[in-house]
C-alpha atoms as a PDB file:
ATOM      1  CA  MET A   1     -74.488 286.680-190.483  1.00  0.00           C
ATOM      2  CA  SER A   2     -76.141 286.215-187.276  1.00  0.00           C
ATOM      3  CA  LYS A   3     -76.720 282.888-185.553  1.00  0.00           C
ATOM      4  CA  THR A   4     -80.495 283.614-185.877  1.00  0.00           C
ATOM      5  CA  ILE A   5     -80.166 283.904-189.698  1.00  0.00           C
ATOM      6  CA  ASP A   6     -77.937 281.115-189.840  1.00  0.00           C
ATOM      7  CA  ARG A   7     -80.406 278.865-187.970  1.00  0.00           C
ATOM      8  CA  ARG A   8     -83.344 280.067-190.152  1.00  0.00           C
ATOM      9  CA  HIS A   9     -81.406 279.193-193.305  1.00  0.00           C
ATOM     10  CA  PHE A  10     -80.706 275.880-192.103  1.00  0.00           C
ATOM     11  CA  ILE A  11     -84.206 275.018-191.143  1.00  0.00           C
ATOM     12  CA  ALA A  12     -85.495 276.662-194.569  1.00  0.00           C
ATOM     13  CA  THR A  13     -83.198 274.488-196.574  1.00  0.00           C
ATOM     14  CA  GLY A  14     -83.302 271.419-194.549  1.00  0.00           C
ATOM     15  CA  ALA A  15     -87.036 270.711-193.699  1.00  0.00           C
ATOM     16  CA  GLY A  16     -88.367 269.844-197.180  1.00  0.00           C
ATOM     17  CA  ALA A  17     -90.738 271.380-199.583  1.00  0.00           C
ATOM     18  CA  LEU A  18     -93.925 272.829-198.101  1.00  0.00           C
ATOM     19  CA  ALA A  19     -95.973 271.317-201.089  1.00  0.00           C
ATOM     20  CA  MET A  20     -95.345 267.761-199.726  1.00  0.00           C
ATOM     21  CA  PRO A  21     -97.409 266.392-196.973  1.00  0.00           C
ATOM     22  CA  PHE A  22     -95.418 266.434-193.636  1.00  0.00           C
ATOM     23  CA  VAL A  23     -94.886 262.781-192.541  1.00  0.00           C
ATOM     24  CA  SER A  24     -93.686 262.420-188.944  1.00  0.00           C
ATOM     25  CA  ARG A  25     -91.204 259.834-187.969  1.00  0.00           C
ATOM     26  CA  SER A  26     -93.313 259.045-184.777  1.00  0.00           C
ATOM     27  CA  ALA A  27     -96.610 258.980-186.837  1.00  0.00           C
ATOM     28  CA  SER A  28     -96.729 255.288-186.408  1.00  0.00           C
ATOM     29  CA  ALA A  29     -96.707 255.594-182.798  1.00  0.00           C
ATOM     30  CA  GLN A  30    -100.152 257.091-182.719  1.00  0.00           C
ATOM     31  CA  ALA A  31    -101.606 256.177-186.053  1.00  0.00           C
ATOM     32  CA  GLY A  32    -105.217 257.119-184.882  1.00  0.00           C
ATOM     33  CA  TRP A  33    -104.217 260.697-184.172  1.00  0.00           C
ATOM     34  CA  PRO A  34    -106.020 262.910-184.570  1.00  0.00           C
ATOM     35  CA  SER A  35    -109.512 261.407-184.754  1.00  0.00           C
ATOM     36  CA  ARG A  36    -111.339 264.549-184.715  1.00  0.00           C
ATOM     37  CA  GLN A  37    -110.656 268.452-184.684  1.00  0.00           C
ATOM     38  CA  ILE A  38    -107.925 269.983-182.443  1.00  0.00           C
ATOM     39  CA  ARG A  39    -108.657 272.690-179.944  1.00  0.00           C
ATOM     40  CA  MET A  40    -105.747 275.148-179.448  1.00  0.00           C
ATOM     41  CA  ILE A  41    -106.478 277.241-176.477  1.00  0.00           C
ATOM     42  CA  CYS A  42    -104.684 280.529-176.483  1.00  0.00           C
ATOM     43  CA  SER A  43    -104.494 281.982-173.069  1.00  0.00           C
ATOM     44  CA  TYR A  44    -104.164 285.557-174.254  1.00  0.00           C
ATOM     45  CA  PRO A  45    -106.460 287.864-176.141  1.00  0.00           C
ATOM     46  CA  ALA A  46    -107.346 287.796-179.911  1.00  0.00           C
ATOM     47  CA  GLY A  47    -105.059 289.967-182.163  1.00  0.00           C
ATOM     48  CA  GLY A  48    -101.851 289.949-180.041  1.00  0.00           C
ATOM     49  CA  GLN A  49     -98.577 288.133-180.604  1.00  0.00           C
ATOM     50  CA  THR A  50     -99.593 284.879-179.026  1.00  0.00           C
ATOM     51  CA  ASP A  51    -102.855 284.577-180.695  1.00  0.00           C
ATOM     52  CA  LEU A  52    -101.305 285.351-184.197  1.00  0.00           C
ATOM     53  CA  LEU A  53     -98.594 282.535-183.478  1.00  0.00           C
ATOM     54  CA  ALA A  54    -101.490 280.147-182.435  1.00  0.00           C
ATOM     55  CA  ARG A  55    -103.530 280.849-185.603  1.00  0.00           C
ATOM     56  CA  ALA A  56    -100.464 280.742-188.034  1.00  0.00           C
ATOM     57  CA  TYR A  57     -98.958 277.476-186.578  1.00  0.00           C
ATOM     58  CA  GLY A  58    -102.613 275.916-185.952  1.00  0.00           C
ATOM     59  CA  GLU A  59    -103.458 276.502-189.764  1.00  0.00           C
ATOM     60  CA  PHE A  60    -100.393 274.595-190.819  1.00  0.00           C
ATOM     61  CA  ILE A  61    -100.944 271.779-188.527  1.00  0.00           C
ATOM     62  CA  SER A  62    -104.546 271.334-189.629  1.00  0.00           C
ATOM     63  CA  LYS A  63    -103.495 271.200-193.441  1.00  0.00           C
ATOM     64  CA  GLN A  64    -100.864 268.473-192.378  1.00  0.00           C
ATOM     65  CA  VAL A  65    -103.051 266.410-190.311  1.00  0.00           C
ATOM     66  CA  GLY A  66    -106.432 266.802-192.306  1.00  0.00           C
ATOM     67  CA  LYS A  67    -108.407 267.921-189.334  1.00  0.00           C
ATOM     68  CA  THR A  68    -109.551 271.344-188.312  1.00  0.00           C
ATOM     69  CA  VAL A  69    -107.463 273.216-185.600  1.00  0.00           C
ATOM     70  CA  VAL A  70    -109.836 275.533-183.879  1.00  0.00           C
ATOM     71  CA  VAL A  71    -108.085 278.322-181.779  1.00  0.00           C
ATOM     72  CA  GLU A  72    -110.074 279.549-178.758  1.00  0.00           C
ATOM     73  CA  ASN A  73    -109.024 282.646-176.733  1.00  0.00           C
ATOM     74  CA  LYS A  74    -109.322 282.224-173.027  1.00  0.00           C
ATOM     75  CA  PRO A  75    -107.547 285.061-171.726  1.00  0.00           C
ATOM     76  CA  GLY A  76    -107.215 286.200-167.985  1.00  0.00           C
ATOM     77  CA  ALA A  77    -105.038 286.119-164.830  1.00  0.00           C
ATOM     78  CA  SER A  78    -101.777 286.159-166.856  1.00  0.00           C
ATOM     79  CA  GLY A  79    -102.852 283.109-168.874  1.00  0.00           C
ATOM     80  CA  ALA A  80    -103.934 280.855-165.975  1.00  0.00           C
ATOM     81  CA  ILE A  81    -107.439 280.719-166.856  1.00  0.00           C
ATOM     82  CA  GLY A  82    -106.941 279.027-170.290  1.00  0.00           C
ATOM     83  CA  THR A  83    -103.958 276.991-169.055  1.00  0.00           C
ATOM     84  CA  ALA A  84    -106.147 275.362-166.112  1.00  0.00           C
ATOM     85  CA  GLU A  85    -108.730 274.459-168.736  1.00  0.00           C
ATOM     86  CA  VAL A  86    -105.832 272.568-170.885  1.00  0.00           C
ATOM     87  CA  ALA A  87    -104.572 271.053-167.723  1.00  0.00           C
ATOM     88  CA  ARG A  88    -107.864 269.327-166.902  1.00  0.00           C
ATOM     89  CA  ALA A  89    -108.416 268.394-170.571  1.00  0.00           C
ATOM     90  CA  GLU A  90    -108.445 264.562-171.956  1.00  0.00           C
ATOM     91  CA  PRO A  91    -104.776 263.883-172.475  1.00  0.00           C
ATOM     92  CA  ASP A  92    -105.279 262.429-176.034  1.00  0.00           C
ATOM     93  CA  GLY A  93    -103.606 265.148-178.122  1.00  0.00           C
ATOM     94  CA  HIS A  94    -106.826 266.995-179.094  1.00  0.00           C
ATOM     95  CA  THR A  95    -106.585 269.774-176.723  1.00  0.00           C
ATOM     96  CA  MET A  96    -103.340 272.004-176.790  1.00  0.00           C
ATOM     97  CA  LEU A  97    -102.275 275.259-175.083  1.00  0.00           C
ATOM     98  CA  CYS A  98    -100.438 278.230-176.699  1.00  0.00           C
ATOM     99  CA  SER A  99     -99.006 280.588-174.161  1.00  0.00           C
ATOM    100  CA  ILE A 100     -95.806 282.299-172.893  1.00  0.00           C
ATOM    101  CA  SER A 101     -93.162 281.832-170.252  1.00  0.00           C
ATOM    102  CA  THR A 102     -95.212 284.057-167.867  1.00  0.00           C
ATOM    103  CA  THR A 103     -97.747 281.446-167.764  1.00  0.00           C
ATOM    104  CA  TYR A 104     -95.423 278.406-167.922  1.00  0.00           C
ATOM    105  CA  ILE A 105     -92.985 279.786-165.243  1.00  0.00           C
ATOM    106  CA  MET A 106     -93.767 283.113-163.528  1.00  0.00           C
ATOM    107  CA  ASN A 107     -97.397 282.495-162.319  1.00  0.00           C
ATOM    108  CA  ARG A 108     -96.225 279.683-159.730  1.00  0.00           C
ATOM    109  CA  VAL A 109     -94.382 282.576-157.975  1.00  0.00           C
ATOM    110  CA  VAL A 110     -97.018 285.389-158.366  1.00  0.00           C
ATOM    111  CA  MET A 111    -100.081 283.314-157.758  1.00  0.00           C
ATOM    112  CA  LYS A 112    -101.061 281.451-154.700  1.00  0.00           C
ATOM    113  CA  ASN A 113    -103.352 279.195-156.778  1.00  0.00           C
ATOM    114  CA  PRO A 114    -103.053 279.369-160.681  1.00  0.00           C
ATOM    115  CA  GLY A 115    -105.212 276.445-160.984  1.00  0.00           C
ATOM    116  CA  TYR A 116    -102.579 274.092-162.364  1.00  0.00           C
ATOM    117  CA  ASP A 117     -99.130 272.880-161.577  1.00  0.00           C
ATOM    118  CA  MET A 118     -96.928 273.198-164.675  1.00  0.00           C
ATOM    119  CA  ASP A 119     -94.537 270.295-163.809  1.00  0.00           C
ATOM    120  CA  LYS A 120     -97.358 268.031-162.776  1.00  0.00           C
ATOM    121  CA  ASP A 121    -100.131 268.856-165.214  1.00  0.00           C
ATOM    122  CA  LEU A 122     -98.464 269.802-168.601  1.00  0.00           C
ATOM    123  CA  THR A 123     -95.983 268.919-170.923  1.00  0.00           C
ATOM    124  CA  LEU A 124     -94.108 271.396-173.049  1.00  0.00           C
ATOM    125  CA  VAL A 125     -94.147 270.399-176.858  1.00  0.00           C
ATOM    126  CA  SER A 126     -92.235 273.217-178.786  1.00  0.00           C
ATOM    127  CA  VAL A 127     -91.452 276.813-178.066  1.00  0.00           C
ATOM    128  CA  ILE A 128     -90.279 279.807-179.790  1.00  0.00           C
ATOM    129  CA  PRO A 129     -87.439 281.481-177.921  1.00  0.00           C
ATOM    130  CA  GLY A 130     -88.219 285.082-176.962  1.00  0.00           C
ATOM    131  CA  ALA A 131     -86.435 287.938-178.894  1.00  0.00           C
ATOM    132  CA  GLY A 132     -84.259 290.521-177.019  1.00  0.00           C
ATOM    133  CA  LEU A 133     -86.390 293.038-175.280  1.00  0.00           C
ATOM    134  CA  LEU A 134     -85.222 296.700-175.901  1.00  0.00           C
ATOM    135  CA  LEU A 135     -84.179 299.151-172.984  1.00  0.00           C
ATOM    136  CA  VAL A 136     -85.186 302.606-174.297  1.00  0.00           C
ATOM    137  CA  ALA A 137     -84.526 305.953-172.704  1.00  0.00           C
ATOM    138  CA  ASN A 138     -86.273 309.125-172.919  1.00  0.00           C
ATOM    139  CA  PRO A 139     -83.951 311.427-175.302  1.00  0.00           C
ATOM    140  CA  LYS A 140     -83.879 314.106-172.868  1.00  0.00           C
ATOM    141  CA  THR A 141     -81.696 311.855-170.520  1.00  0.00           C
ATOM    142  CA  GLY A 142     -78.896 311.864-173.107  1.00  0.00           C
ATOM    143  CA  VAL A 143     -78.553 308.043-172.547  1.00  0.00           C
ATOM    144  CA  LYS A 144     -77.160 306.096-175.305  1.00  0.00           C
ATOM    145  CA  THR A 145     -75.353 303.167-173.511  1.00  0.00           C
ATOM    146  CA  LEU A 146     -75.847 301.323-170.075  1.00  0.00           C
ATOM    147  CA  GLU A 147     -72.865 303.159-168.692  1.00  0.00           C
ATOM    148  CA  ASP A 148     -74.790 306.386-169.484  1.00  0.00           C
ATOM    149  CA  PHE A 149     -77.867 305.170-168.011  1.00  0.00           C
ATOM    150  CA  VAL A 150     -76.181 304.088-164.651  1.00  0.00           C
ATOM    151  CA  ALA A 151     -74.541 307.778-164.565  1.00  0.00           C
ATOM    152  CA  PHE A 152     -77.875 309.400-165.302  1.00  0.00           C
ATOM    153  CA  ALA A 153     -79.747 307.255-162.504  1.00  0.00           C
ATOM    154  CA  ARG A 154     -76.974 308.117-160.053  1.00  0.00           C
ATOM    155  CA  LYS A 155     -77.018 312.028-160.765  1.00  0.00           C
ATOM    156  CA  SER A 156     -80.972 311.971-160.664  1.00  0.00           C
ATOM    157  CA  GLY A 157     -81.298 310.138-157.634  1.00  0.00           C
ATOM    158  CA  LYS A 158     -84.441 308.437-158.814  1.00  0.00           C
ATOM    159  CA  VAL A 159     -85.459 307.165-162.408  1.00  0.00           C
ATOM    160  CA  ASN A 160     -88.968 306.476-163.508  1.00  0.00           C
ATOM    161  CA  PHE A 161     -88.825 303.044-165.480  1.00  0.00           C
ATOM    162  CA  GLY A 162     -91.853 301.674-167.288  1.00  0.00           C
ATOM    163  CA  THR A 163     -92.845 298.134-167.346  1.00  0.00           C
ATOM    164  CA  TYR A 164     -95.878 296.244-168.939  1.00  0.00           C
ATOM    165  CA  SER A 165     -96.722 294.522-165.509  1.00  0.00           C
ATOM    166  CA  ALA A 166     -95.622 293.811-162.118  1.00  0.00           C
ATOM    167  CA  GLY A 167     -93.464 290.740-162.037  1.00  0.00           C
ATOM    168  CA  SER A 168     -92.623 291.165-165.783  1.00  0.00           C
ATOM    169  CA  ALA A 169     -89.227 290.901-167.356  1.00  0.00           C
ATOM    170  CA  PRO A 170     -88.713 294.662-167.373  1.00  0.00           C
ATOM    171  CA  HIS A 171     -89.768 294.670-163.459  1.00  0.00           C
ATOM    172  CA  MET A 172     -87.107 292.044-162.727  1.00  0.00           C
ATOM    173  CA  THR A 173     -84.538 293.819-165.076  1.00  0.00           C
ATOM    174  CA  ILE A 174     -85.047 297.107-163.065  1.00  0.00           C
ATOM    175  CA  ASN A 175     -84.439 295.077-159.804  1.00  0.00           C
ATOM    176  CA  GLU A 176     -81.308 293.306-161.026  1.00  0.00           C
ATOM    177  CA  LEU A 177     -79.813 296.876-162.176  1.00  0.00           C
ATOM    178  CA  ASN A 178     -80.625 298.449-158.781  1.00  0.00           C
ATOM    179  CA  LYS A 179     -78.720 295.385-156.952  1.00  0.00           C
ATOM    180  CA  GLN A 180     -75.733 295.520-159.313  1.00  0.00           C
ATOM    181  CA  TYR A 181     -75.354 299.402-159.406  1.00  0.00           C
ATOM    182  CA  GLY A 182     -76.878 300.497-156.287  1.00  0.00           C
ATOM    183  CA  LEU A 183     -79.669 302.549-158.118  1.00  0.00           C
ATOM    184  CA  ASN A 184     -83.002 303.699-157.171  1.00  0.00           C
ATOM    185  CA  ILE A 185     -84.817 302.931-160.508  1.00  0.00           C
ATOM    186  CA  GLU A 186     -88.623 303.025-159.666  1.00  0.00           C
ATOM    187  CA  PRO A 187     -90.670 300.916-161.758  1.00  0.00           C
ATOM    188  CA  VAL A 188     -93.903 302.357-163.093  1.00  0.00           C
ATOM    189  CA  HIS A 189     -96.419 299.388-164.019  1.00  0.00           C
ATOM    190  CA  TYR A 190     -98.631 299.485-166.757  1.00  0.00           C
ATOM    191  CA  ARG A 191    -101.227 296.904-168.041  1.00  0.00           C
ATOM    192  CA  GLY A 192     -99.562 295.969-171.046  1.00  0.00           C
ATOM    193  CA  GLU A 193     -97.137 297.468-173.639  1.00  0.00           C
ATOM    194  CA  ALA A 194     -99.340 299.703-175.500  1.00  0.00           C
ATOM    195  CA  PRO A 195    -100.107 302.166-172.586  1.00  0.00           C
ATOM    196  CA  MET A 196     -96.524 301.843-171.477  1.00  0.00           C
ATOM    197  CA  TRP A 197     -95.147 303.113-174.808  1.00  0.00           C
ATOM    198  CA  THR A 198     -97.717 305.817-174.755  1.00  0.00           C
ATOM    199  CA  GLY A 199     -96.118 306.932-171.468  1.00  0.00           C
ATOM    200  CA  MET A 200     -92.776 307.217-173.249  1.00  0.00           C
ATOM    201  CA  LEU A 201     -94.477 309.035-176.188  1.00  0.00           C
ATOM    202  CA  GLU A 202     -95.998 311.607-173.586  1.00  0.00           C
ATOM    203  CA  GLY A 203     -92.710 312.071-171.890  1.00  0.00           C
ATOM    204  CA  THR A 204     -93.779 310.929-168.562  1.00  0.00           C
ATOM    205  CA  LEU A 205     -91.166 308.197-168.362  1.00  0.00           C
ATOM    206  CA  ASP A 206     -87.269 308.426-168.237  1.00  0.00           C
ATOM    207  CA  ALA A 207     -86.957 305.037-169.803  1.00  0.00           C
ATOM    208  CA  ALA A 208     -88.993 301.728-170.497  1.00  0.00           C
ATOM    209  CA  MET A 209     -88.492 298.283-171.803  1.00  0.00           C
ATOM    210  CA  GLY A 210     -90.404 295.936-174.156  1.00  0.00           C
ATOM    211  CA  SER A 211     -90.441 294.323-177.665  1.00  0.00           C
ATOM    212  CA  TYR A 212     -88.844 295.840-180.811  1.00  0.00           C
ATOM    213  CA  THR A 213     -92.299 295.555-182.577  1.00  0.00           C
ATOM    214  CA  ALA A 214     -94.422 297.321-179.934  1.00  0.00           C
ATOM    215  CA  ALA A 215     -91.655 300.119-179.261  1.00  0.00           C
ATOM    216  CA  GLN A 216     -91.658 301.205-183.018  1.00  0.00           C
ATOM    217  CA  SER A 217     -94.331 304.130-182.343  1.00  0.00           C
ATOM    218  CA  VAL A 218     -91.678 305.544-180.027  1.00  0.00           C
ATOM    219  CA  LEU A 219     -88.434 304.873-182.205  1.00  0.00           C
ATOM    220  CA  GLN A 220     -89.974 306.138-185.240  1.00  0.00           C
ATOM    221  CA  SER A 221     -91.025 309.423-183.567  1.00  0.00           C
ATOM    222  CA  ASP A 222     -87.707 309.862-182.059  1.00  0.00           C
ATOM    223  CA  ARG A 223     -89.244 309.921-178.440  1.00  0.00           C
ATOM    224  CA  GLY A 224     -86.844 307.133-177.387  1.00  0.00           C
ATOM    225  CA  THR A 225     -83.295 305.896-177.701  1.00  0.00           C
ATOM    226  CA  VAL A 226     -82.499 302.378-177.474  1.00  0.00           C
ATOM    227  CA  PHE A 227     -79.352 302.051-175.067  1.00  0.00           C
ATOM    228  CA  ALA A 228     -79.415 298.114-174.648  1.00  0.00           C
ATOM    229  CA  VAL A 229     -81.084 294.874-175.159  1.00  0.00           C
ATOM    230  CA  HIS A 230     -81.946 292.426-172.536  1.00  0.00           C
ATOM    231  CA  SER A 231     -80.349 289.051-173.357  1.00  0.00           C
ATOM    232  CA  LYS A 232     -79.894 288.730-176.977  1.00  0.00           C
ATOM    233  CA  LYS A 233     -79.278 290.764-180.157  1.00  0.00           C
ATOM    234  CA  VAL A 234     -82.042 292.049-182.250  1.00  0.00           C
ATOM    235  CA  ASP A 235     -81.180 291.509-185.989  1.00  0.00           C
ATOM    236  CA  ALA A 236     -82.963 294.718-186.950  1.00  0.00           C
ATOM    237  CA  ILE A 237     -80.603 296.874-184.712  1.00  0.00           C
ATOM    238  CA  PRO A 238     -77.247 294.718-184.603  1.00  0.00           C
ATOM    239  CA  ALA A 239     -75.275 297.564-183.283  1.00  0.00           C
ATOM    240  CA  ILE A 240     -77.059 297.958-179.852  1.00  0.00           C
ATOM    241  CA  LYS A 241     -75.270 295.739-177.355  1.00  0.00           C
ATOM    242  CA  THR A 242     -76.910 293.383-174.642  1.00  0.00           C
ATOM    243  CA  LEU A 243     -76.857 294.002-171.022  1.00  0.00           C
ATOM    244  CA  PRO A 244     -74.243 291.567-170.527  1.00  0.00           C
ATOM    245  CA  GLU A 245     -72.093 292.950-173.210  1.00  0.00           C
ATOM    246  CA  GLN A 246     -72.156 296.141-171.527  1.00  0.00           C
ATOM    247  CA  GLY A 247     -71.258 294.770-168.119  1.00  0.00           C
ATOM    248  CA  ALA A 248     -74.462 293.624-166.397  1.00  0.00           C
ATOM    249  CA  THR A 249     -73.806 290.601-164.656  1.00  0.00           C
ATOM    250  CA  SER A 250     -77.131 289.054-163.273  1.00  0.00           C
ATOM    251  CA  LYS A 251     -77.964 285.604-164.592  1.00  0.00           C
ATOM    252  CA  PHE A 252     -81.287 287.042-165.278  1.00  0.00           C
ATOM    253  CA  PHE A 253     -79.726 288.886-168.254  1.00  0.00           C
ATOM    254  CA  THR A 254     -79.135 285.248-169.865  1.00  0.00           C
ATOM    255  CA  VAL A 255     -82.645 284.352-170.325  1.00  0.00           C
ATOM    256  CA  SER A 256     -84.938 285.243-172.982  1.00  0.00           C
ATOM    257  CA  GLY A 257     -88.307 283.765-172.118  1.00  0.00           C
ATOM    258  CA  PHE A 258     -90.546 282.140-174.747  1.00  0.00           C
ATOM    259  CA  SER A 259     -93.873 281.548-176.397  1.00  0.00           C
ATOM    260  CA  GLY A 260     -95.091 277.921-177.173  1.00  0.00           C
ATOM    261  CA  TRP A 261     -97.339 274.895-176.949  1.00  0.00           C
ATOM    262  CA  ALA A 262     -98.173 272.563-174.287  1.00  0.00           C
ATOM    263  CA  VAL A 263    -100.546 269.487-173.805  1.00  0.00           C
ATOM    264  CA  PRO A 264    -102.028 267.732-170.951  1.00  0.00           C
ATOM    265  CA  ARG A 265     -99.235 265.633-169.095  1.00  0.00           C
ATOM    266  CA  ALA A 266    -100.430 262.316-169.825  1.00  0.00           C
ATOM    267  CA  THR A 267    -100.448 262.717-173.472  1.00  0.00           C
ATOM    268  CA  PRO A 268     -98.914 259.869-175.369  1.00  0.00           C
ATOM    269  CA  GLN A 269     -95.404 260.591-176.163  1.00  0.00           C
ATOM    270  CA  GLY A 270     -95.862 259.760-179.694  1.00  0.00           C
ATOM    271  CA  VAL A 271     -98.573 262.388-180.232  1.00  0.00           C
ATOM    272  CA  VAL A 272     -96.263 264.879-178.341  1.00  0.00           C
ATOM    273  CA  ASP A 273     -93.377 263.945-180.636  1.00  0.00           C
ATOM    274  CA  ARG A 274     -95.582 264.394-183.586  1.00  0.00           C
ATOM    275  CA  LEU A 275     -96.861 267.801-182.644  1.00  0.00           C
ATOM    276  CA  ALA A 276     -93.372 269.142-181.820  1.00  0.00           C
ATOM    277  CA  GLU A 277     -92.214 267.932-185.276  1.00  0.00           C
ATOM    278  CA  LEU A 278     -95.304 269.689-186.918  1.00  0.00           C
ATOM    279  CA  CYS A 279     -94.294 273.045-185.060  1.00  0.00           C
ATOM    280  CA  VAL A 280     -90.653 272.840-186.251  1.00  0.00           C
ATOM    281  CA  ALA A 281     -92.003 272.070-189.849  1.00  0.00           C
ATOM    282  CA  ALA A 282     -94.312 274.911-189.859  1.00  0.00           C
ATOM    283  CA  ASN A 283     -91.358 277.404-189.628  1.00  0.00           C
ATOM    284  CA  ASN A 284     -91.195 277.113-193.383  1.00  0.00           C
ATOM    285  CA  ASP A 285     -94.898 277.991-193.971  1.00  0.00           C
ATOM    286  CA  PRO A 286     -95.236 281.643-195.505  1.00  0.00           C
ATOM    287  CA  LYS A 287     -97.721 282.729-192.956  1.00  0.00           C
ATOM    288  CA  VAL A 288     -95.716 281.436-190.190  1.00  0.00           C
ATOM    289  CA  LYS A 289     -92.578 283.247-191.638  1.00  0.00           C
ATOM    290  CA  GLU A 290     -94.585 286.386-191.796  1.00  0.00           C
ATOM    291  CA  VAL A 291     -95.788 286.259-188.060  1.00  0.00           C
ATOM    292  CA  LEU A 292     -92.108 285.466-186.946  1.00  0.00           C
ATOM    293  CA  ALA A 293     -90.605 288.328-188.942  1.00  0.00           C
ATOM    294  CA  THR A 294     -93.289 290.828-187.707  1.00  0.00           C
ATOM    295  CA  PHE A 295     -92.339 290.114-184.139  1.00  0.00           C
ATOM    296  CA  VAL A 296     -88.658 289.500-184.801  1.00  0.00           C
ATOM    297  CA  LEU A 297     -88.821 286.108-183.536  1.00  0.00           C
ATOM    298  CA  GLU A 298     -86.818 282.894-183.855  1.00  0.00           C
ATOM    299  CA  PRO A 299     -88.407 279.439-185.303  1.00  0.00           C
ATOM    300  CA  ALA A 300     -90.005 276.967-183.051  1.00  0.00           C
ATOM    301  CA  ILE A 301     -87.570 274.510-181.887  1.00  0.00           C
ATOM    302  CA  SER A 302     -87.659 270.624-181.108  1.00  0.00           C
ATOM    303  CA  PHE A 303     -89.119 268.740-178.097  1.00  0.00           C
ATOM    304  CA  LYS A 304     -85.724 267.999-176.780  1.00  0.00           C
ATOM    305  CA  GLU A 305     -84.330 271.632-177.323  1.00  0.00           C
ATOM    306  CA  THR A 306     -87.577 272.860-175.778  1.00  0.00           C
ATOM    307  CA  ASN A 307     -87.209 271.024-172.411  1.00  0.00           C
ATOM    308  CA  ALA A 308     -83.540 271.736-172.390  1.00  0.00           C
ATOM    309  CA  LEU A 309     -84.381 275.438-172.472  1.00  0.00           C
ATOM    310  CA  TYR A 310     -86.998 275.198-169.896  1.00  0.00           C
ATOM    311  CA  GLN A 311     -84.835 273.306-167.439  1.00  0.00           C
ATOM    312  CA  ARG A 312     -81.891 275.833-168.156  1.00  0.00           C
ATOM    313  CA  GLU A 313     -83.997 279.009-167.509  1.00  0.00           C
ATOM    314  CA  LEU A 314     -86.552 277.914-164.875  1.00  0.00           C
ATOM    315  CA  PRO A 315     -84.372 278.292-161.756  1.00  0.00           C
ATOM    316  CA  ILE A 316     -82.983 281.673-163.069  1.00  0.00           C
ATOM    317  CA  TRP A 317     -86.508 283.086-163.457  1.00  0.00           C
ATOM    318  CA  ILE A 318     -87.640 281.720-160.184  1.00  0.00           C
ATOM    319  CA  GLU A 319     -84.678 283.117-158.266  1.00  0.00           C
ATOM    320  CA  SER A 320     -85.124 286.500-159.878  1.00  0.00           C
ATOM    321  CA  ALA A 321     -88.904 286.633-159.388  1.00  0.00           C
ATOM    322  CA  LYS A 322     -88.486 285.816-155.757  1.00  0.00           C
ATOM    323  CA  SER A 323     -86.174 288.444-155.154  1.00  0.00           C
ATOM    324  CA  LEU A 324     -88.807 291.089-156.104  1.00  0.00           C
ATOM    325  CA  GLY A 325     -90.449 290.261-152.761  1.00  0.00           C
ATOM    326  CA  LEU A 326     -93.960 290.271-154.364  1.00  0.00           C
ATOM    327  CA  GLU A 327     -96.812 288.714-152.094  1.00  0.00           C
ATOM    328  CA  PRO A 328     -98.507 285.957-154.208  1.00  0.00           C
ATOM    329  CA  ALA A 329    -102.175 286.956-154.960  1.00  0.00           C
END
């Protein structure tokens, strides 16, 4: 049984019955919270993974605290628009952000002025560790392992490799593979996963990298072969080894990214703790479970675990991002 399944089982059996009201140990610290509806700003468009997580967890929180949680989509600038709005909000626990590690980490490297300083303006509450991203090759390449891919790339001289944006995890993966193996993999940047996987379906790409869920159109039509996963195994395809298991040595292949929640920095710690506990308790909610299963995600983790993960992954992401040599826009 995988660590992910073990963990989910532990949470499911240990968090208590959903029918009972959730009582936070930190509730007494901020007994008056919430006093009105809560705004949860999602910094990405409606209908996507981040939005669906925001709505599922928001609905659970609403039921537990007795106040409406209103999800507002404020997309744009890699999440910076919505994030800046939360950073400027009153730090009273009635405004929170739902976003991803691109917003929390990468924007400081690729943007001159994202409109917020993550470490001064925001506090991470709870996050959902990212799933392993798939590396998928066009079947015509004959690639089935990382060793095959390296051999193909050396023989071909140049490989077209799809990413879902410049500065993304796939872009950094390409850069790290080029450095380790002396390859000439050329990133082809798309505006999102959907058009990237369309490129694979059309046969214009030698390889691409993205999420298990979004890749299904390619995999189910036999237009792509998974030859590795980025940093952690995917339960649905346990036989596929990670890049480190296949000999890739970059530290970047040990990080997974995340989705999750943040509040303005001066929000009282009692409220932060309660929100984090509510996010963890929500892992047992049927709607939350359904969204997590759809995107093959792990459950939300505690405030302590969240900030340990952030501090551990932050310098690795920054180092890899800077090595791309991108000029901040």
